[in-house]
Protein backbone atom coordinates (compact mmCIF):
# COMPACT_ATOMS: atom_id res chain seq x y z
CA MET A 1 149.77 159.03 164.28
CA ASN A 2 147.67 160.61 167.03
CA GLU A 3 146.86 164.21 166.04
CA LYS A 4 147.62 165.46 169.57
CA TYR A 5 151.32 164.74 169.10
CA GLU A 6 154.12 165.69 166.79
CA ALA A 7 157.31 163.79 166.08
CA VAL A 8 160.83 165.23 166.22
CA ILE A 9 163.37 163.27 164.19
CA GLY A 10 167.09 163.65 163.63
CA LEU A 11 169.26 161.37 161.50
CA GLU A 12 172.89 160.37 161.92
CA VAL A 13 174.14 159.16 158.53
CA HIS A 14 177.43 157.30 158.20
CA ALA A 15 178.86 157.29 154.67
CA GLN A 16 181.82 155.05 153.85
CA LEU A 17 184.28 157.08 151.80
CA LEU A 18 185.48 155.72 148.46
CA THR A 19 189.17 155.67 149.26
CA GLU A 20 191.41 152.76 148.27
CA SER A 21 193.10 152.62 151.67
CA LYS A 22 191.90 153.04 155.23
CA ALA A 23 191.73 156.24 157.23
CA PHE A 24 194.99 155.84 159.17
CA CYS A 25 196.92 153.03 157.46
CA GLY A 26 197.58 151.56 154.02
CA CYS A 27 195.23 148.56 154.27
CA SER A 28 192.69 147.98 151.51
CA THR A 29 189.06 149.07 151.96
CA LYS A 30 187.77 146.54 149.39
CA PHE A 31 184.43 145.02 150.34
CA GLY A 32 183.99 141.24 150.21
CA ASN A 33 187.58 140.12 150.85
CA SER A 34 188.05 137.07 153.08
CA PRO A 35 187.53 137.84 156.80
CA ASN A 36 190.42 139.44 158.72
CA SER A 37 192.62 139.82 155.62
CA ASN A 38 192.55 143.63 155.21
CA VAL A 39 194.41 144.27 158.46
CA CYS A 40 197.73 145.45 159.86
CA PRO A 41 199.16 146.35 163.30
CA ILE A 42 197.77 149.92 163.00
CA CYS A 43 194.11 149.04 162.45
CA LEU A 44 194.43 146.20 164.95
CA GLY A 45 195.68 148.63 167.58
CA HIS A 46 198.98 146.91 168.40
CA PRO A 47 201.19 148.69 170.97
CA GLY A 48 203.61 151.30 169.64
CA VAL A 49 201.99 151.89 166.23
CA LEU A 50 201.25 155.41 164.95
CA PRO A 51 198.33 156.33 162.66
CA VAL A 52 198.81 158.60 159.63
CA LEU A 53 195.75 160.44 158.29
CA ASN A 54 194.66 159.68 154.71
CA LYS A 55 194.56 163.04 152.85
CA LYS A 56 191.63 161.89 150.68
CA VAL A 57 189.46 161.46 153.78
CA VAL A 58 189.85 165.16 154.54
CA GLU A 59 189.21 166.22 150.94
CA PHE A 60 186.07 164.09 150.57
CA THR A 61 184.63 165.34 153.86
CA VAL A 62 185.31 168.98 152.93
CA LEU A 63 183.62 168.39 149.56
CA MET A 64 180.50 167.16 151.35
CA GLY A 65 180.64 170.15 153.66
CA LEU A 66 180.81 172.55 150.72
CA ALA A 67 177.98 170.73 148.92
CA THR A 68 175.73 171.04 151.99
CA ASN A 69 176.41 174.71 152.72
CA CYS A 70 178.53 174.03 155.81
CA THR A 71 181.16 176.19 157.43
CA ILE A 72 184.53 174.47 156.94
CA ASN A 73 186.50 174.92 160.14
CA GLU A 74 190.13 175.85 159.58
CA LYS A 75 191.16 173.69 162.53
CA SER A 76 189.62 170.40 163.60
CA ILE A 77 190.92 167.70 165.90
CA PHE A 78 190.48 163.96 166.31
CA ALA A 79 189.30 162.37 169.53
CA ARG A 80 189.21 158.92 171.04
CA LYS A 81 185.70 157.57 171.62
CA ASN A 82 186.20 154.88 174.26
CA TYR A 83 184.02 151.80 174.50
CA PHE A 84 184.58 148.07 174.71
CA TYR A 85 183.12 145.73 172.14
CA PRO A 86 184.49 142.53 170.52
CA ASP A 87 184.76 144.12 167.07
CA LEU A 88 186.76 147.15 168.30
CA PRO A 89 190.29 145.79 168.84
CA LYS A 90 191.81 149.15 169.90
CA GLY A 91 189.23 149.64 172.65
CA PHE A 92 188.41 153.06 171.17
CA GLN A 93 187.23 154.56 167.92
CA THR A 94 189.10 157.46 166.34
CA SER A 95 186.49 160.13 165.64
CA GLN A 96 185.91 163.87 166.04
CA TYR A 97 183.95 165.38 168.89
CA GLU A 98 184.39 168.94 170.17
CA GLU A 99 186.00 170.38 167.04
CA PRO A 100 184.57 168.75 163.88
CA ILE A 101 185.69 169.69 160.37
CA CYS A 102 182.26 170.92 159.08
CA GLU A 103 179.35 172.61 160.87
CA HIS A 104 176.08 174.53 160.41
CA GLY A 105 174.96 173.39 156.95
CA HIS A 106 171.64 172.50 155.39
CA VAL A 107 169.94 170.73 152.49
CA ASN A 108 166.53 171.34 150.95
CA ILE A 109 164.04 168.51 150.54
CA VAL A 110 161.24 168.68 147.98
CA PHE A 111 157.78 167.18 148.53
CA LYS A 112 155.42 165.76 145.88
CA ASP A 113 153.47 169.03 145.79
CA GLU A 114 156.82 170.77 144.99
CA SER A 115 156.92 172.59 148.33
CA THR A 116 160.33 172.58 150.02
CA LYS A 117 161.76 172.43 153.52
CA LYS A 118 165.24 173.28 154.74
CA ILE A 119 166.78 170.63 157.02
CA GLY A 120 169.75 171.80 159.06
CA ILE A 121 172.99 169.86 159.35
CA THR A 122 174.59 170.21 162.77
CA ARG A 123 177.98 168.80 161.84
CA ILE A 124 179.92 166.55 159.49
CA HIS A 125 182.98 164.85 160.89
CA MET A 126 185.55 162.20 160.02
CA GLU A 127 185.90 158.91 161.85
CA GLU A 128 186.90 155.30 161.37
CA ASP A 129 184.61 152.29 161.20
CA ALA A 130 184.57 149.43 163.67
CA GLY A 131 184.67 145.73 162.77
CA LYS A 132 181.73 143.42 162.32
CA SER A 133 180.33 140.82 164.71
CA ILE A 134 178.72 137.85 163.01
CA HIS A 135 176.31 135.73 165.03
CA ASP A 136 176.15 132.26 163.48
CA GLN A 137 173.47 129.58 163.84
CA SER A 138 175.52 127.74 166.45
CA TYR A 139 175.09 130.69 168.83
CA ASN A 140 178.73 131.64 168.40
CA THR A 141 179.88 135.18 167.68
CA LEU A 142 182.59 135.56 165.06
CA VAL A 143 184.51 138.79 164.53
CA ASP A 144 185.68 140.18 161.17
CA VAL A 145 187.94 143.22 161.62
CA ASN A 146 188.36 144.02 157.89
CA ARG A 147 186.19 147.08 158.36
CA CYS A 148 188.25 148.46 161.27
CA GLY A 149 189.80 151.73 160.18
CA VAL A 150 187.70 152.10 157.02
CA PRO A 151 187.06 155.86 156.64
CA LEU A 152 183.60 157.16 157.45
CA MET A 153 181.98 160.55 157.29
CA GLU A 154 179.21 161.12 159.83
CA ILE A 155 176.51 163.61 158.84
CA VAL A 156 174.39 164.71 161.82
CA SER A 157 171.14 166.51 161.07
CA GLU A 158 169.33 168.97 163.28
CA PRO A 159 166.20 167.46 164.92
CA GLU A 160 163.97 169.18 162.37
CA MET A 161 162.15 166.35 160.60
CA GLN A 162 158.59 165.64 161.69
CA SER A 163 157.65 162.51 159.74
CA SER A 164 159.12 159.38 158.22
CA THR A 165 158.46 160.93 154.80
CA GLU A 166 160.70 163.89 155.61
CA ALA A 167 163.39 161.52 156.92
CA TYR A 168 163.15 159.47 153.71
CA LEU A 169 163.50 162.58 151.53
CA TYR A 170 166.42 163.88 153.58
CA LEU A 171 168.26 160.55 153.45
CA SER A 172 167.59 160.34 149.69
CA LYS A 173 169.09 163.81 149.24
CA ILE A 174 172.21 162.90 151.24
CA LYS A 175 172.65 159.70 149.21
CA GLN A 176 172.19 161.61 145.95
CA ILE A 177 174.79 164.23 146.92
CA VAL A 178 177.49 161.73 148.01
CA GLN A 179 176.98 159.76 144.80
CA TYR A 180 177.21 162.88 142.63
CA LEU A 181 180.38 163.91 144.43
CA GLY A 182 181.81 160.43 143.86
CA ILE A 183 182.80 160.07 147.52
CA CYS A 184 180.47 157.19 148.53
CA ASP A 185 178.55 154.58 146.54
CA GLY A 186 175.49 154.93 148.80
CA ASN A 187 174.87 151.19 149.04
CA MET A 188 172.81 150.61 152.20
CA GLU A 189 172.63 146.82 151.66
CA GLU A 190 176.44 146.54 151.81
CA GLY A 191 176.61 148.98 154.70
CA SER A 192 178.48 151.76 152.90
CA LEU A 193 175.61 154.11 153.78
CA ARG A 194 174.13 153.60 157.24
CA CYS A 195 171.54 155.56 159.13
CA ASP A 196 170.57 155.83 162.79
CA ALA A 197 167.39 157.71 163.69
CA ASN A 198 166.79 159.70 166.88
CA VAL A 199 163.03 159.87 167.50
CA SER A 200 160.95 161.64 170.11
CA VAL A 201 157.35 162.84 170.34
CA ARG A 202 155.72 165.74 172.17
CA LEU A 203 152.34 167.40 172.39
CA LYS A 204 151.73 169.84 169.56
CA GLY A 205 152.70 173.36 170.56
CA GLU A 206 155.15 172.10 173.18
CA LYS A 207 158.62 173.64 172.89
CA LYS A 208 160.54 171.20 175.04
CA LEU A 209 161.82 168.09 173.29
CA GLY A 210 160.56 164.73 174.44
CA THR A 211 162.81 161.86 175.55
CA LYS A 212 164.49 160.44 172.46
CA THR A 213 165.33 156.92 171.46
CA GLU A 214 167.84 155.84 168.85
CA ILE A 215 166.98 153.21 166.22
CA LYS A 216 169.75 151.19 164.55
CA ASN A 217 170.06 148.37 162.01
CA MET A 218 167.99 149.91 159.19
CA ASN A 219 169.50 148.65 155.95
CA SER A 220 167.13 150.16 153.39
CA PHE A 221 165.18 153.36 152.80
CA ARG A 222 161.93 151.46 153.28
CA ASN A 223 163.10 150.14 156.63
CA VAL A 224 164.03 153.66 157.76
CA GLU A 225 160.42 154.74 157.10
CA ARG A 226 158.92 151.68 158.77
CA ALA A 227 161.16 151.89 161.84
CA ILE A 228 160.44 155.59 162.40
CA ASN A 229 156.67 155.05 162.05
CA PHE A 230 156.82 152.11 164.46
CA GLU A 231 158.73 154.13 167.05
CA ILE A 232 156.45 157.18 166.78
CA ASP A 233 153.39 154.98 167.34
CA ARG A 234 155.08 153.10 170.20
CA GLN A 235 156.02 156.27 172.07
CA ILE A 236 152.56 157.80 171.63
CA GLU A 237 150.93 154.63 172.93
CA ILE A 238 153.16 154.68 176.05
CA LEU A 239 152.38 158.37 176.73
CA GLU A 240 148.64 157.85 176.20
CA GLU A 241 148.69 155.07 178.78
CA GLY A 242 150.38 157.40 181.28
CA GLY A 243 153.85 155.93 180.98
CA THR A 244 157.21 157.57 180.35
CA ILE A 245 159.70 157.07 177.52
CA THR A 246 163.01 155.46 178.41
CA GLN A 247 166.06 156.82 176.64
CA GLU A 248 167.51 153.75 174.95
CA THR A 249 168.95 152.31 171.76
CA LEU A 250 166.59 150.11 169.74
CA LEU A 251 167.43 147.49 167.15
CA TRP A 252 165.10 147.28 164.14
CA ASP A 253 163.96 143.80 163.06
CA ALA A 254 162.86 144.07 159.43
CA ASP A 255 161.33 140.56 159.42
CA LEU A 256 159.04 141.30 162.35
CA ASN A 257 158.58 145.03 161.57
CA GLU A 258 159.39 145.81 165.19
CA ALA A 259 162.16 147.48 167.16
CA PHE A 260 163.61 145.86 170.31
CA SER A 261 165.63 147.39 173.13
CA MET A 262 169.36 146.91 172.65
CA ARG A 263 170.85 148.94 175.51
CA SER A 264 170.32 152.14 177.46
CA LYS A 265 171.17 155.20 175.37
CA GLU A 266 174.68 156.44 176.00
CA GLU A 267 175.49 160.08 176.64
CA ALA A 268 178.67 161.71 175.36
CA HIS A 269 180.32 161.45 178.78
CA ASP A 270 179.85 157.68 178.72
CA TYR A 271 182.40 157.50 175.93
CA ARG A 272 185.04 159.49 177.86
CA TYR A 273 186.10 161.45 174.78
CA PHE A 274 189.57 162.98 174.86
CA PRO A 275 191.81 164.43 172.13
CA GLU A 276 193.71 161.80 170.10
CA PRO A 277 197.36 162.24 171.16
CA ASP A 278 198.79 160.43 168.12
CA LEU A 279 197.23 162.69 165.47
CA MET A 280 197.99 166.33 164.71
CA PRO A 281 195.14 168.86 164.33
CA VAL A 282 193.75 169.03 160.78
CA ILE A 283 194.31 172.49 159.25
CA VAL A 284 192.24 173.34 156.18
CA ASN A 285 193.33 176.81 155.11
CA GLU A 286 191.67 178.86 152.36
CA GLU A 287 194.19 177.74 149.75
CA TRP A 288 193.56 174.05 150.37
CA LYS A 289 189.80 174.62 150.60
CA SER A 290 189.88 176.33 147.19
CA GLU A 291 191.84 173.43 145.70
CA ILE A 292 189.26 170.95 147.08
CA ALA A 293 186.37 173.06 145.76
CA LYS A 294 187.78 172.70 142.23
CA GLN A 295 187.11 168.95 142.48
CA MET A 296 183.38 169.59 142.96
CA HIS A 297 181.17 167.86 140.41
CA GLU A 298 177.91 169.42 139.24
CA LEU A 299 175.37 168.85 142.01
CA PRO A 300 171.98 167.21 141.35
CA ASP A 301 169.81 170.33 141.73
CA ASN A 302 172.07 172.32 139.39
CA ARG A 303 172.11 169.50 136.85
CA LYS A 304 168.33 169.21 136.91
CA GLU A 305 167.95 172.93 136.17
CA ARG A 306 170.50 172.67 133.37
CA LEU A 307 168.65 169.79 131.69
CA ILE A 308 165.44 171.83 131.83
CA THR A 309 166.95 175.00 130.37
CA LYS A 310 169.50 173.56 127.94
CA TYR A 311 167.45 170.69 126.51
CA ASN A 312 163.95 172.08 127.12
CA LEU A 313 162.96 168.99 129.09
CA PRO A 314 159.85 168.92 131.30
CA LYS A 315 160.61 169.19 135.01
CA TYR A 316 159.36 165.63 135.58
CA ASP A 317 161.81 164.20 133.03
CA ALA A 318 164.71 166.18 134.49
CA GLU A 319 163.93 164.92 138.01
CA ILE A 320 163.86 161.27 136.88
CA LEU A 321 167.04 161.59 134.80
CA THR A 322 169.02 163.28 137.59
CA GLN A 323 168.00 160.93 140.43
CA THR A 324 171.43 159.36 140.04
CA LYS A 325 174.55 160.74 138.40
CA SER A 326 175.01 157.59 136.32
CA VAL A 327 171.56 157.94 134.69
CA ALA A 328 172.16 161.64 133.99
CA ASP A 329 175.56 160.77 132.47
CA TYR A 330 173.96 158.06 130.31
CA TYR A 331 171.32 160.50 129.03
CA GLU A 332 173.87 163.14 128.09
CA LYS A 333 175.96 160.54 126.25
CA VAL A 334 172.87 159.42 124.30
CA ILE A 335 172.14 162.96 123.12
CA GLU A 336 175.68 163.30 121.82
CA THR A 337 174.46 160.93 119.08
CA THR A 338 170.86 162.12 118.63
CA ASP A 339 169.45 165.63 118.87
CA ASP A 340 165.86 164.75 119.84
CA TYR A 341 166.24 165.42 123.55
CA LYS A 342 162.66 164.58 124.59
CA PHE A 343 162.59 161.39 122.50
CA ALA A 344 165.80 160.24 124.18
CA SER A 345 164.34 161.07 127.59
CA ASN A 346 161.20 159.03 126.87
CA TRP A 347 163.19 155.96 125.85
CA ILE A 348 165.48 156.11 128.89
CA MET A 349 162.64 156.66 131.38
CA THR A 350 160.58 153.77 129.98
CA ASP A 351 162.58 151.13 128.10
CA VAL A 352 166.04 151.60 129.63
CA LEU A 353 165.12 152.17 133.28
CA LYS A 354 162.61 149.30 133.17
CA VAL A 355 165.45 146.89 132.38
CA VAL A 356 167.78 148.53 134.92
CA ASN A 357 165.17 148.30 137.68
CA ASP A 358 164.01 144.78 136.77
CA GLU A 359 167.57 143.46 136.76
CA LYS A 360 168.51 145.54 139.84
CA ILE A 361 171.67 146.87 138.20
CA ASP A 362 173.35 150.24 137.93
CA ILE A 363 172.97 151.82 134.53
CA LYS A 364 176.78 151.68 134.31
CA ASP A 365 176.33 147.90 133.86
CA PHE A 366 173.53 148.27 131.29
CA SER A 367 174.38 146.29 128.14
CA VAL A 368 173.27 148.90 125.56
CA HIS A 369 175.90 151.58 125.05
CA PRO A 370 174.48 155.12 125.00
CA GLU A 371 175.80 155.85 121.50
CA ASN A 372 174.01 152.73 120.22
CA LEU A 373 170.74 153.84 121.79
CA GLY A 374 171.21 157.26 120.18
CA GLU A 375 171.75 155.57 116.81
CA LEU A 376 168.56 153.50 117.30
CA LEU A 377 166.58 156.67 117.92
CA ASN A 378 168.02 158.20 114.76
CA LEU A 379 166.90 155.16 112.75
CA ILE A 380 163.35 155.76 113.98
CA LYS A 381 163.52 159.50 113.31
CA ASN A 382 164.82 159.20 109.74
CA GLY A 383 162.24 156.56 108.87
CA THR A 384 164.66 153.64 108.45
CA ILE A 385 162.65 151.56 110.95
CA SER A 386 159.28 151.96 112.67
CA GLY A 387 158.86 152.47 116.40
CA LYS A 388 157.51 148.91 116.69
CA ILE A 389 160.52 147.42 114.89
CA ALA A 390 162.77 149.56 117.11
CA LYS A 391 161.40 147.78 120.19
CA ASP A 392 162.38 144.42 118.63
CA VAL A 393 165.83 145.74 117.70
CA PHE A 394 166.25 147.02 121.27
CA GLN A 395 165.58 143.53 122.64
CA ILE A 396 168.31 142.12 120.38
CA MET A 397 170.68 144.91 121.47
CA LEU A 398 170.16 143.87 125.11
CA LYS A 399 171.57 140.43 124.30
CA GLU A 400 174.07 141.18 121.55
CA ASN A 401 176.74 143.87 121.57
CA LYS A 402 175.88 145.10 118.07
CA LYS A 403 175.05 148.42 116.52
CA PRO A 404 171.34 148.80 115.66
CA SER A 405 172.17 149.49 112.00
CA GLU A 406 173.93 146.10 111.81
CA ILE A 407 170.90 144.34 113.32
CA VAL A 408 168.49 146.10 110.96
CA LYS A 409 170.61 145.09 107.97
CA GLU A 410 171.10 141.46 109.11
CA LYS A 411 167.39 140.93 109.87
CA ASN A 412 166.17 142.90 106.83
CA LEU A 413 164.09 145.19 109.02
CA VAL A 414 164.31 148.36 106.92
CA GLN A 415 160.96 150.14 106.88
CA ILE A 416 158.88 150.04 103.68
CA THR A 417 158.33 153.67 102.71
CA ASP A 418 157.66 153.30 98.99
CA SER A 419 154.06 154.50 98.56
CA GLY A 420 153.52 152.32 95.50
CA GLU A 421 154.51 149.16 97.35
CA ILE A 422 152.40 150.11 100.38
CA GLU A 423 149.41 150.86 98.12
CA LYS A 424 149.58 147.34 96.61
CA ILE A 425 149.59 145.80 100.09
CA VAL A 426 146.65 147.95 101.23
CA GLU A 427 144.62 146.93 98.16
CA LYS A 428 145.44 143.26 98.75
CA ILE A 429 144.21 143.41 102.36
CA LEU A 430 141.00 145.22 101.36
CA ASN A 431 140.29 142.67 98.60
CA ASN A 432 140.85 139.75 101.01
CA ASN A 433 138.55 141.18 103.69
CA SER A 434 135.39 142.27 101.89
CA ASN A 435 133.13 141.70 104.93
CA GLN A 436 135.17 144.12 107.06
CA VAL A 437 135.14 146.63 104.17
CA LYS A 438 131.31 146.48 104.14
CA GLN A 439 131.31 147.04 107.92
CA TYR A 440 133.47 150.14 107.54
CA ILE A 441 131.31 151.52 104.73
CA SER A 442 128.18 151.00 106.87
CA GLY A 443 129.70 153.15 109.62
CA GLU A 444 131.61 150.68 111.79
CA GLU A 445 134.88 152.61 111.63
CA LYS A 446 136.42 150.65 114.50
CA VAL A 447 137.42 147.98 111.93
CA PHE A 448 140.05 150.47 110.72
CA GLY A 449 142.36 149.05 113.40
CA PHE A 450 141.76 145.54 112.03
CA PHE A 451 143.04 146.59 108.60
CA ILE A 452 146.11 148.24 110.16
CA GLY A 453 146.89 145.03 112.00
CA GLN A 454 146.54 142.93 108.84
CA ILE A 455 148.80 145.25 106.85
CA MET A 456 151.46 145.22 109.56
CA LYS A 457 151.21 141.44 109.74
CA GLU A 458 151.63 141.22 105.95
CA THR A 459 154.69 143.47 106.02
CA LYS A 460 156.09 141.97 109.27
CA GLY A 461 155.78 145.39 110.87
CA LYS A 462 158.04 147.06 108.32
CA ALA A 463 155.45 149.32 106.63
CA ASN A 464 155.68 153.01 107.49
CA PRO A 465 152.74 153.54 109.92
CA LYS A 466 152.01 157.09 108.76
CA ALA A 467 151.95 156.11 105.08
CA VAL A 468 149.75 153.09 105.85
CA ASN A 469 147.25 155.21 107.78
CA GLU A 470 147.01 157.82 105.04
CA LEU A 471 146.66 155.35 102.13
CA LEU A 472 144.21 153.09 103.98
CA LYS A 473 142.02 156.06 104.94
CA GLU A 474 142.10 157.32 101.37
CA LYS A 475 141.10 153.92 99.90
CA LEU A 476 138.30 153.29 102.39
CA GLU A 477 136.83 156.76 102.03
CA ALA A 478 136.85 156.33 98.24
CA LEU A 479 134.83 153.10 98.59
CA LYS A 480 132.17 154.98 100.55
CA LYS A 481 131.35 157.18 97.54
């Protein structure tokens, strides 16, 4: 980015709410059903039908407002956003405009150097989704209206981000909060979390905002970063060549890593908003707001601090474990079985999350139950098995739904801790490797690792490592005298 300029970025995030039925009718919101099957006269906009607001939509949106420090307006109203598109059968979208339900909030983003920045939230409002146009290889456009009427929550940030990194951190924070609240699954690939970016550039020190463009069709966090960087560079290049920025909507092409003009950017008046005559104003009084607040789950920042203080975890561990609610839940279930909090953290951050990430699954679908992992850690701690054997047992646990104690018993993997038995094995290895013994005595102490390897091979990894080290050292040092 040219140092003469600075970027100004605002994000509009659409989160699909985890309700079983749509915003204004009883149709299912289930993803993946056959096209045009989750529909009824209400979401298809047939004449004479009347919408009825889903109470859960209000409660979920208020929860998000509370979690992001918003003012919850006692009265909010729905509006009709009018535009014509094949996947919008009603010819308008039911949304909120002049009087949204939540306003004037903020979230804090944290950078790698642990500095923070407050990003303002202009508004959060309720609306319904439109359908989906599918362009097939025969150059036909097919329309699936299953998504029509699915409840959305739009979160509009202030234009306060200045880089793609800040936008990435902000979007990550929004995703983390909605997942912790249990109101959206945050899946960008399936479209349940969508993001549009408004981008402009201006000379540093300039107060007036530059002409903004809107980028759509970014279906991953990485694509959000790439699209914003592309657009910043594109606008700077135009300005440097003496041109002017056109206010327009751009479509991001992830394959080409480029954004292409889709249409001129609409203003609010282009949509001819007017109050929705078929829906009553939404009244959220203090009593209802208090009832909704009781549904609030522990938020990620609070949970991170609790893991640090309650379990004495390093800040790094707590940040990794609380990235998602499901991982934090898994950790706290593990330590119901074992009391070595740091040991449990190490295993989850390395062994468990490696499998979860490699298989691209949620930890909820991870095959090893948390109580079984806790039991495995206890077997290591009490000396029943070695850490090396534990790794082998863990691999078996991934494939078989068995307790680690059962596997250890079946495979005869109990650690050899009897000092007399270990001593006999150490002596056997030393007697069978006289050349390496001479090397050690002459000062080549690096062969110590060779002896360890031979002993572990002889015992199939079952010898207690600490006892082996102590006895081997004792025997070799005695031979030096």
